[in-house]
Amino acid sequence: MLENFITSISDYLLVLSKGNIMMVAFYAGFFVALMTTLGSLLAVFSNKMPYWGVDFSLSFAAGVMIVASFASLILPGIEYSGRFLSVGIGILLGVALIYAIDKFVPHEHLVRGYEGPEELRDKLRVVWLIVLAVIIHNLPEGLAVGTSLVFDIKTGLVTAIAIGIQDFPEGVVVSLPLAALQRKKLRPILMGALSGVAEWVMVLVGAFFFSIFHGLLPYGLGLAGGAMLYVTVKEMIPEIYKNEKNELIVTAGFFLGFYVMLFLDSMLG
């Protein structure tokens, strides 16, 4: 049933966009940005969130991203190219890209604290540092959606649906701490929406670039997969397990996200 639903959506979007992959990417990007914004809207109702809720949300997102990295990006890239080399180079480039962004762009995690150049630590408000951290997380996700759409519409839509599902709690994670910091409602919502727009832009960038340079698609699939793996393994998992107070909840959230993405991807099999 779900497979028929995804097929119907992909056929409808192709008709609506008149076969233009960029229009399909536009709609998919809008969906993931909308889900992030809807999550951010929870700041209207509360400026407090149980700490386990933050951990659960991040671990759910990590579970989705781990499966998406392999099932929607790395393995399809190997299948498309018929060899590992190009995808392997792409993975290395993706890791290097996010490492460089992580090292040179100032940002602040909820648990790990500040990262980036020390000389910029006091130049930006904590609010913007938190938003930049979420944007860094979202960039590989947007790239994954855009690149996988070029590879296959159905695969891209499954990726967009899964990323959109985990973007809702990510929107909550970015907006509620900001609401608590600022004791305001509108600005945290706008900040959360901004992180969603950044992801939307990356969907379009990924789809545009690899539509033109189709021969580089295996590298692009590897790059997006490597970038998501780096964010998940280096940033998200250490952050959610560092507290050591909600390990059972964190693990449950991870496997829930893992199963959701695995289930969605199995619909294409």
Protein backbone atom coordinates (compact mmCIF):
# COMPACT_ATOMS: atom_id res chain seq x y z
CA MET A 1 0.00 0.00 0.00
CA LEU A 2 2.76 2.43 0.94
CA GLU A 3 4.67 1.53 -2.22
CA ASN A 4 1.57 2.36 -4.29
CA PHE A 5 1.24 5.63 -2.38
CA ILE A 6 4.85 6.61 -3.09
CA THR A 7 4.46 5.59 -6.74
CA SER A 8 1.31 7.71 -7.01
CA ILE A 9 3.08 10.70 -5.46
CA SER A 10 6.06 10.36 -7.80
CA ASP A 11 3.79 10.05 -10.85
CA TYR A 12 1.75 13.05 -9.71
CA LEU A 13 4.84 15.18 -9.10
CA LEU A 14 6.25 14.26 -12.49
CA VAL A 15 3.00 15.31 -14.16
CA LEU A 16 2.77 18.46 -12.04
CA SER A 17 6.39 19.39 -12.80
CA LYS A 18 6.11 18.30 -16.46
CA GLY A 19 9.08 15.98 -15.96
CA ASN A 20 11.34 18.74 -14.62
CA ILE A 21 13.49 17.20 -11.88
CA MET A 22 14.17 20.63 -10.39
CA MET A 23 10.46 21.16 -9.78
CA VAL A 24 10.24 17.76 -8.09
CA ALA A 25 13.23 18.76 -5.96
CA PHE A 26 11.49 22.06 -5.17
CA TYR A 27 8.43 20.22 -3.82
CA ALA A 28 10.53 17.69 -1.91
CA GLY A 29 12.64 20.48 -0.42
CA PHE A 30 9.53 22.37 0.57
CA PHE A 31 8.26 19.28 2.40
CA VAL A 32 11.39 18.83 4.52
CA ALA A 33 11.54 22.57 5.28
CA LEU A 34 7.86 22.54 6.24
CA MET A 35 8.37 19.62 8.63
CA THR A 36 11.23 21.46 10.35
CA THR A 37 9.07 24.57 10.65
CA LEU A 38 6.12 22.62 12.05
CA GLY A 39 8.41 21.19 14.72
CA SER A 40 9.62 24.68 15.52
CA LEU A 41 6.04 25.82 16.03
CA LEU A 42 5.94 23.85 19.29
CA ALA A 43 7.85 26.77 20.77
CA VAL A 44 4.50 28.59 20.76
CA PHE A 45 3.08 26.18 23.31
CA SER A 46 6.03 25.62 25.57
CA ASN A 47 9.51 26.90 26.26
CA LYS A 48 10.47 23.81 28.19
CA MET A 49 11.29 20.31 27.03
CA PRO A 50 12.28 17.28 29.11
CA TYR A 51 15.94 16.54 28.57
CA TRP A 52 15.08 13.01 27.54
CA GLY A 53 12.93 14.51 24.77
CA VAL A 54 15.96 16.20 23.22
CA ASP A 55 17.96 12.98 23.46
CA PHE A 56 15.12 10.92 21.97
CA SER A 57 14.65 13.34 19.08
CA LEU A 58 18.33 13.42 18.18
CA SER A 59 18.70 9.64 18.48
CA PHE A 60 15.64 9.08 16.26
CA ALA A 61 17.22 11.36 13.65
CA ALA A 62 20.51 9.46 13.96
CA GLY A 63 18.75 6.14 13.29
CA VAL A 64 17.11 7.53 10.16
CA MET A 65 20.36 9.03 8.90
CA ILE A 66 22.39 5.84 9.39
CA VAL A 67 20.01 3.75 7.26
CA ALA A 68 19.48 6.53 4.69
CA SER A 69 23.24 6.88 4.27
CA PHE A 70 23.54 3.28 3.10
CA ALA A 71 20.13 2.34 1.68
CA SER A 72 19.39 5.54 -0.25
CA LEU A 73 22.89 6.79 -1.11
CA ILE A 74 25.95 4.56 -0.78
CA LEU A 75 24.53 1.23 -1.97
CA PRO A 76 22.54 2.80 -4.87
CA GLY A 77 25.71 4.66 -5.85
CA ILE A 78 27.67 1.40 -6.02
CA GLU A 79 24.84 -0.22 -7.98
CA TYR A 80 24.69 2.72 -10.39
CA SER A 81 28.42 2.87 -11.08
CA GLY A 82 29.05 -0.88 -10.86
CA ARG A 83 32.08 -0.33 -8.65
CA PHE A 84 33.05 1.01 -5.24
CA LEU A 85 35.87 3.40 -6.16
CA SER A 86 33.83 6.44 -7.23
CA VAL A 87 31.43 6.08 -4.29
CA GLY A 88 34.35 5.55 -1.91
CA ILE A 89 36.00 8.75 -3.13
CA GLY A 90 32.65 10.53 -2.69
CA ILE A 91 32.36 9.29 0.91
CA LEU A 92 35.84 10.62 1.67
CA LEU A 93 34.94 13.99 0.10
CA GLY A 94 31.73 14.16 2.13
CA VAL A 95 33.57 13.49 5.38
CA ALA A 96 36.24 16.07 4.48
CA LEU A 97 33.59 18.67 3.57
CA ILE A 98 31.66 18.43 6.83
CA TYR A 99 34.91 18.21 8.82
CA ALA A 100 36.04 21.50 7.27
CA ILE A 101 32.68 23.16 7.93
CA ASP A 102 32.69 21.79 11.47
CA LYS A 103 36.19 23.11 12.09
CA PHE A 104 35.91 26.57 10.57
CA VAL A 105 32.25 27.54 11.11
CA PRO A 106 31.49 28.57 14.71
CA HIS A 107 28.56 26.67 16.25
CA GLU A 108 27.36 25.36 19.58
CA HIS A 109 25.81 22.00 20.43
CA LEU A 110 23.34 21.55 23.26
CA VAL A 111 25.59 19.06 25.08
CA ARG A 112 29.08 19.23 23.54
CA GLY A 113 29.16 23.01 23.71
CA TYR A 114 31.09 25.35 21.41
CA GLU A 115 33.03 24.14 18.36
CA GLY A 116 34.85 26.14 15.72
CA PRO A 117 37.53 28.86 15.72
CA GLU A 118 38.15 30.13 19.25
CA GLU A 119 38.60 33.69 18.01
CA LEU A 120 34.97 33.71 16.85
CA ARG A 121 33.56 32.24 20.04
CA ASP A 122 32.42 35.55 21.49
CA LYS A 123 31.55 37.22 18.18
CA LEU A 124 28.15 35.53 17.76
CA ARG A 125 25.27 35.14 20.14
CA VAL A 126 24.56 31.67 21.54
CA VAL A 127 21.28 31.70 19.61
CA TRP A 128 23.06 31.91 16.26
CA LEU A 129 25.66 29.36 17.32
CA ILE A 130 22.91 26.82 18.06
CA VAL A 131 21.16 27.59 14.77
CA LEU A 132 24.42 27.17 12.86
CA ALA A 133 24.92 23.77 14.51
CA VAL A 134 21.49 22.64 13.30
CA ILE A 135 22.12 24.02 9.80
CA ILE A 136 25.38 22.04 9.64
CA HIS A 137 23.38 18.92 10.53
CA ASN A 138 20.77 19.73 7.91
CA LEU A 139 23.09 20.38 4.96
CA PRO A 140 23.91 16.69 4.32
CA GLU A 141 20.24 15.79 4.69
CA GLY A 142 19.19 18.27 2.00
CA LEU A 143 22.01 17.13 -0.26
CA ALA A 144 20.93 13.52 0.27
CA VAL A 145 17.37 14.26 -0.85
CA GLY A 146 18.44 16.24 -3.93
CA THR A 147 21.06 13.72 -5.03
CA SER A 148 18.85 10.68 -4.50
CA LEU A 149 16.07 12.34 -6.52
CA VAL A 150 18.40 12.57 -9.51
CA PHE A 151 19.28 8.89 -9.09
CA ASP A 152 15.64 7.77 -8.84
CA ILE A 153 12.44 9.69 -8.10
CA LYS A 154 11.00 7.00 -5.81
CA THR A 155 14.24 6.62 -3.86
CA GLY A 156 14.44 10.38 -3.50
CA LEU A 157 10.86 10.64 -2.28
CA VAL A 158 11.38 7.89 0.29
CA THR A 159 14.47 9.75 1.48
CA ALA A 160 12.50 13.02 1.59
CA ILE A 161 9.68 11.42 3.58
CA ALA A 162 12.08 9.87 6.10
CA ILE A 163 14.16 13.05 6.41
CA GLY A 164 10.96 15.07 6.78
CA ILE A 165 9.73 12.79 9.58
CA GLN A 166 12.96 13.21 11.55
CA ASP A 167 13.09 16.94 10.74
CA PHE A 168 9.97 17.47 12.86
CA PRO A 169 11.68 16.53 16.15
CA GLU A 170 14.83 18.33 14.96
CA GLY A 171 12.72 21.47 14.59
CA VAL A 172 11.57 20.95 18.16
CA VAL A 173 15.16 20.50 19.32
CA VAL A 174 16.28 23.81 17.82
CA SER A 175 13.24 25.94 18.73
CA LEU A 176 12.51 24.99 22.35
CA PRO A 177 16.04 25.59 23.71
CA LEU A 178 16.05 28.94 21.91
CA ALA A 179 12.66 29.78 23.41
CA ALA A 180 14.04 28.96 26.84
CA LEU A 181 17.13 31.09 26.24
CA GLN A 182 15.27 34.11 24.89
CA ARG A 183 11.89 33.72 26.59
CA LYS A 184 10.32 34.67 23.27
CA LYS A 185 8.17 32.73 20.84
CA LEU A 186 8.44 34.19 17.33
CA ARG A 187 12.22 34.32 16.96
CA PRO A 188 12.84 30.64 17.82
CA ILE A 189 10.20 29.66 15.26
CA LEU A 190 11.90 31.81 12.63
CA MET A 191 15.29 30.34 13.55
CA GLY A 192 13.93 26.82 13.18
CA ALA A 193 12.33 27.74 9.86
CA LEU A 194 15.67 29.20 8.71
CA SER A 195 17.40 25.88 9.34
CA GLY A 196 14.67 24.20 7.26
CA VAL A 197 15.15 26.69 4.42
CA ALA A 198 18.90 25.93 4.43
CA GLU A 199 18.05 22.27 3.96
CA TRP A 200 15.61 23.16 1.15
CA VAL A 201 18.37 25.09 -0.62
CA MET A 202 20.69 22.07 -0.41
CA VAL A 203 17.99 19.85 -1.95
CA LEU A 204 17.90 22.20 -4.95
CA VAL A 205 21.70 22.52 -5.12
CA GLY A 206 22.16 18.74 -5.10
CA ALA A 207 19.47 18.14 -7.72
CA PHE A 208 20.72 20.97 -9.97
CA PHE A 209 24.40 20.04 -9.87
CA PHE A 210 23.99 16.32 -10.47
CA SER A 211 21.32 16.83 -13.11
CA ILE A 212 23.93 18.72 -15.13
CA PHE A 213 26.93 16.56 -14.21
CA HIS A 214 25.12 13.23 -14.27
CA GLY A 215 28.37 11.32 -14.70
CA LEU A 216 29.44 12.49 -11.24
CA LEU A 217 26.30 11.09 -9.60
CA PRO A 218 28.08 8.11 -7.93
CA TYR A 219 30.51 10.59 -6.36
CA GLY A 220 27.55 12.74 -5.26
CA LEU A 221 25.70 9.81 -3.71
CA GLY A 222 28.87 8.83 -1.85
CA LEU A 223 29.49 12.43 -0.80
CA ALA A 224 26.00 12.84 0.65
CA GLY A 225 26.22 9.46 2.37
CA GLY A 226 29.65 10.19 3.82
CA ALA A 227 28.54 13.62 5.03
CA MET A 228 25.50 12.14 6.79
CA LEU A 229 27.59 9.38 8.36
CA TYR A 230 30.12 11.92 9.64
CA VAL A 231 27.43 14.08 11.22
CA THR A 232 25.76 11.04 12.78
CA VAL A 233 28.85 9.25 14.11
CA LYS A 234 30.99 12.23 15.09
CA GLU A 235 28.36 14.74 16.21
CA MET A 236 24.99 13.23 17.05
CA ILE A 237 25.76 9.88 18.70
CA PRO A 238 28.47 11.22 21.06
CA GLU A 239 26.20 14.13 21.96
CA ILE A 240 23.16 12.03 22.85
CA TYR A 241 25.15 9.45 24.84
CA LYS A 242 27.38 11.92 26.67
CA ASN A 243 24.81 12.60 29.39
CA GLU A 244 24.52 8.87 30.32
CA LYS A 245 21.18 9.47 32.04
CA ASN A 246 18.74 8.40 29.32
CA GLU A 247 20.63 5.57 27.63
CA LEU A 248 17.56 3.32 27.28
CA ILE A 249 15.46 6.15 25.80
CA VAL A 250 18.30 7.16 23.48
CA THR A 251 18.79 3.59 22.25
CA ALA A 252 15.03 3.14 21.76
CA GLY A 253 14.86 6.38 19.78
CA PHE A 254 17.78 5.32 17.59
CA PHE A 255 16.24 1.96 16.70
CA LEU A 256 12.83 3.51 16.12
CA GLY A 257 14.38 5.85 13.54
CA PHE A 258 16.40 2.92 12.17
CA TYR A 259 13.26 0.82 11.68
CA VAL A 260 11.22 3.68 10.20
CA MET A 261 13.82 4.37 7.51
CA LEU A 262 14.41 0.65 6.88
CA PHE A 263 10.66 0.10 6.51
CA LEU A 264 10.28 3.00 4.10
CA ASP A 265 13.23 1.85 2.03
CA SER A 266 11.94 -1.75 1.94
CA MET A 267 8.82 -0.46 0.17
CA LEU A 268 10.99 0.05 -2.91
CA GLY A 269 12.27 -3.52 -2.85
